[in-house]
Amino acid sequence: MDISSASSVSALSGQSAGPSVENEALRKAQEIQARSAAAPINSVPQPTKSSSVNLPSHLGQNINTSA
């Protein structure tokens, strides 16, 4: 949550505007936060099939649970 959203939510919560306005401000702040978090996630390139071609086929098939 950025500072402007946090200050607007705290300013609204101090007033007697009602819970619907507070909920709307919180929902909007969460939408902004979700959009800003999605940008770096979507910028990561997806692995291609050719990047794992050089590895043996048996790698990644088992999990060592006794380590």
N, C-alpha and C. Protein backbone atom coordinates (compact mmCIF):
# COMPACT_ATOMS: atom_id res chain seq x y z
N MET A 1 0.86 -1.16 0.00
CA MET A 1 0.00 0.00 0.00
C MET A 1 0.90 1.22 0.00
N ASP A 2 0.63 2.16 -0.89
CA ASP A 2 1.45 3.35 -0.89
C ASP A 2 0.96 4.34 0.16
N ILE A 3 1.76 5.36 0.38
CA ILE A 3 1.50 6.30 1.48
C ILE A 3 0.21 7.08 1.25
N SER A 4 -0.06 7.46 0.01
CA SER A 4 -1.28 8.24 -0.24
C SER A 4 -2.53 7.43 0.05
N SER A 5 -2.52 6.14 -0.26
CA SER A 5 -3.68 5.29 0.04
C SER A 5 -3.83 5.09 1.54
N ALA A 6 -2.71 4.93 2.23
CA ALA A 6 -2.76 4.72 3.67
C ALA A 6 -3.28 5.97 4.37
N SER A 7 -2.85 7.13 3.92
CA SER A 7 -3.32 8.35 4.57
C SER A 7 -4.78 8.61 4.27
N SER A 8 -5.24 8.27 3.06
CA SER A 8 -6.65 8.48 2.74
C SER A 8 -7.54 7.53 3.52
N VAL A 9 -7.08 6.30 3.74
CA VAL A 9 -7.86 5.34 4.52
C VAL A 9 -7.93 5.79 5.97
N SER A 10 -6.79 6.24 6.53
CA SER A 10 -6.81 6.69 7.91
C SER A 10 -7.61 7.97 8.06
N ALA A 11 -7.60 8.84 7.06
CA ALA A 11 -8.40 10.06 7.13
C ALA A 11 -9.89 9.73 7.08
N LEU A 12 -10.25 8.78 6.25
CA LEU A 12 -11.66 8.39 6.16
C LEU A 12 -12.13 7.68 7.42
N SER A 13 -11.24 6.92 8.05
CA SER A 13 -11.66 6.19 9.23
C SER A 13 -11.88 7.12 10.42
N GLY A 14 -11.26 8.31 10.41
CA GLY A 14 -11.45 9.28 11.48
C GLY A 14 -12.76 10.03 11.35
N GLN A 15 -13.33 10.07 10.19
CA GLN A 15 -14.58 10.78 9.96
C GLN A 15 -15.75 9.84 10.21
N SER A 16 -16.92 10.41 10.30
CA SER A 16 -18.11 9.59 10.49
C SER A 16 -18.85 9.42 9.17
N ALA A 17 -18.12 9.13 8.11
CA ALA A 17 -18.70 8.99 6.78
C ALA A 17 -19.43 7.66 6.64
N GLY A 18 -19.10 6.71 7.45
CA GLY A 18 -19.79 5.43 7.39
C GLY A 18 -18.88 4.32 6.94
N PRO A 19 -19.25 3.10 7.31
CA PRO A 19 -18.40 1.95 6.96
C PRO A 19 -18.35 1.67 5.47
N SER A 20 -19.37 2.05 4.71
CA SER A 20 -19.34 1.75 3.29
C SER A 20 -18.25 2.54 2.58
N VAL A 21 -18.02 3.77 2.99
CA VAL A 21 -16.96 4.58 2.40
C VAL A 21 -15.60 4.01 2.80
N GLU A 22 -15.46 3.61 4.05
CA GLU A 22 -14.21 3.01 4.51
C GLU A 22 -13.92 1.72 3.76
N ASN A 23 -14.94 0.90 3.58
CA ASN A 23 -14.76 -0.36 2.86
C ASN A 23 -14.40 -0.11 1.41
N GLU A 24 -15.01 0.88 0.80
CA GLU A 24 -14.71 1.21 -0.59
C GLU A 24 -13.27 1.71 -0.72
N ALA A 25 -12.82 2.53 0.22
CA ALA A 25 -11.45 3.03 0.18
C ALA A 25 -10.46 1.88 0.39
N LEU A 26 -10.77 0.98 1.29
CA LEU A 26 -9.90 -0.17 1.52
C LEU A 26 -9.86 -1.07 0.30
N ARG A 27 -11.00 -1.31 -0.32
CA ARG A 27 -11.06 -2.15 -1.52
C ARG A 27 -10.23 -1.53 -2.65
N LYS A 28 -10.34 -0.21 -2.81
CA LYS A 28 -9.59 0.48 -3.85
C LYS A 28 -8.09 0.40 -3.58
N ALA A 29 -7.70 0.55 -2.32
CA ALA A 29 -6.28 0.45 -1.95
C ALA A 29 -5.76 -0.95 -2.23
N GLN A 30 -6.57 -1.97 -1.96
CA GLN A 30 -6.16 -3.35 -2.22
C GLN A 30 -6.04 -3.61 -3.72
N GLU A 31 -6.91 -3.01 -4.53
CA GLU A 31 -6.81 -3.16 -5.98
C GLU A 31 -5.52 -2.54 -6.50
N ILE A 32 -5.18 -1.36 -5.98
CA ILE A 32 -3.94 -0.70 -6.40
C ILE A 32 -2.74 -1.55 -6.00
N GLN A 33 -2.78 -2.10 -4.80
CA GLN A 33 -1.69 -2.93 -4.32
C GLN A 33 -1.55 -4.19 -5.17
N ALA A 34 -2.67 -4.79 -5.55
CA ALA A 34 -2.63 -6.00 -6.36
C ALA A 34 -2.06 -5.70 -7.75
N ARG A 35 -2.44 -4.56 -8.32
CA ARG A 35 -1.92 -4.20 -9.63
C ARG A 35 -0.42 -3.94 -9.58
N SER A 36 0.03 -3.27 -8.52
CA SER A 36 1.46 -2.97 -8.42
C SER A 36 2.27 -4.23 -8.13
N ALA A 37 1.68 -5.21 -7.46
CA ALA A 37 2.38 -6.47 -7.21
C ALA A 37 2.40 -7.35 -8.45
N ALA A 38 1.41 -7.24 -9.29
CA ALA A 38 1.33 -8.07 -10.49
C ALA A 38 2.34 -7.65 -11.55
N ALA A 39 2.72 -6.40 -11.58
CA ALA A 39 3.64 -5.92 -12.61
C ALA A 39 4.98 -6.63 -12.57
N PRO A 40 5.68 -6.71 -11.43
CA PRO A 40 6.96 -7.42 -11.44
C PRO A 40 6.81 -8.92 -11.68
N ILE A 41 5.71 -9.49 -11.23
CA ILE A 41 5.50 -10.93 -11.43
C ILE A 41 5.32 -11.23 -12.90
N ASN A 42 4.55 -10.38 -13.59
CA ASN A 42 4.31 -10.60 -15.01
C ASN A 42 5.53 -10.28 -15.87
N SER A 43 6.49 -9.51 -15.34
CA SER A 43 7.67 -9.15 -16.12
C SER A 43 8.71 -10.27 -16.14
N VAL A 44 8.60 -11.27 -15.28
CA VAL A 44 9.54 -12.38 -15.26
C VAL A 44 9.27 -13.28 -16.46
N PRO A 45 10.30 -13.55 -17.26
CA PRO A 45 10.07 -14.39 -18.44
C PRO A 45 9.73 -15.83 -18.04
N GLN A 46 8.83 -16.42 -18.77
CA GLN A 46 8.43 -17.80 -18.52
C GLN A 46 9.52 -18.74 -19.03
N PRO A 47 9.81 -19.82 -18.29
CA PRO A 47 10.83 -20.76 -18.75
C PRO A 47 10.36 -21.47 -20.02
N THR A 48 11.29 -21.70 -20.88
CA THR A 48 10.96 -22.38 -22.13
C THR A 48 11.36 -23.84 -22.03
N LYS A 49 10.81 -24.63 -22.88
CA LYS A 49 11.12 -26.06 -22.90
C LYS A 49 12.59 -26.28 -23.29
N SER A 50 13.14 -25.40 -24.11
CA SER A 50 14.52 -25.58 -24.56
C SER A 50 15.52 -25.33 -23.44
N SER A 51 15.14 -24.62 -22.37
CA SER A 51 16.09 -24.36 -21.28
C SER A 51 16.36 -25.62 -20.45
N SER A 52 15.46 -26.58 -20.46
CA SER A 52 15.67 -27.81 -19.70
C SER A 52 16.09 -28.97 -20.59
N VAL A 53 16.35 -28.75 -21.85
CA VAL A 53 16.73 -29.81 -22.77
C VAL A 53 18.10 -30.37 -22.41
N ASN A 54 19.00 -29.55 -21.87
CA ASN A 54 20.36 -29.99 -21.58
C ASN A 54 20.44 -30.83 -20.32
N LEU A 55 19.39 -30.94 -19.54
CA LEU A 55 19.41 -31.69 -18.30
C LEU A 55 19.00 -33.14 -18.54
N PRO A 56 19.54 -34.06 -17.74
CA PRO A 56 19.11 -35.46 -17.86
C PRO A 56 17.64 -35.60 -17.47
N SER A 57 16.98 -36.58 -18.04
CA SER A 57 15.53 -36.73 -17.83
C SER A 57 15.17 -37.17 -16.42
N HIS A 58 16.13 -37.77 -15.68
CA HIS A 58 15.81 -38.26 -14.34
C HIS A 58 15.85 -37.14 -13.28
N LEU A 59 16.40 -35.98 -13.60
CA LEU A 59 16.46 -34.89 -12.63
C LEU A 59 15.08 -34.28 -12.40
N GLY A 60 14.79 -34.00 -11.14
CA GLY A 60 13.53 -33.37 -10.80
C GLY A 60 12.38 -34.33 -10.63
N GLN A 61 12.64 -35.61 -10.63
CA GLN A 61 11.57 -36.60 -10.53
C GLN A 61 11.34 -37.07 -9.09
N ASN A 62 12.37 -36.96 -8.22
CA ASN A 62 12.28 -37.48 -6.85
C ASN A 62 12.60 -36.38 -5.85
N ILE A 63 12.05 -36.53 -4.66
CA ILE A 63 12.32 -35.61 -3.55
C ILE A 63 12.97 -36.41 -2.44
N ASN A 64 14.13 -35.95 -1.95
CA ASN A 64 14.83 -36.61 -0.87
C ASN A 64 14.23 -36.13 0.45
N THR A 65 13.46 -36.98 1.12
CA THR A 65 12.80 -36.58 2.36
C THR A 65 13.59 -36.93 3.61
N SER A 66 14.74 -37.58 3.46
CA SER A 66 15.52 -37.96 4.63
C SER A 66 16.66 -36.98 4.88
N ALA A 67 16.77 -35.95 4.13
CA ALA A 67 17.88 -34.99 4.27
C ALA A 67 17.70 -34.15 5.51
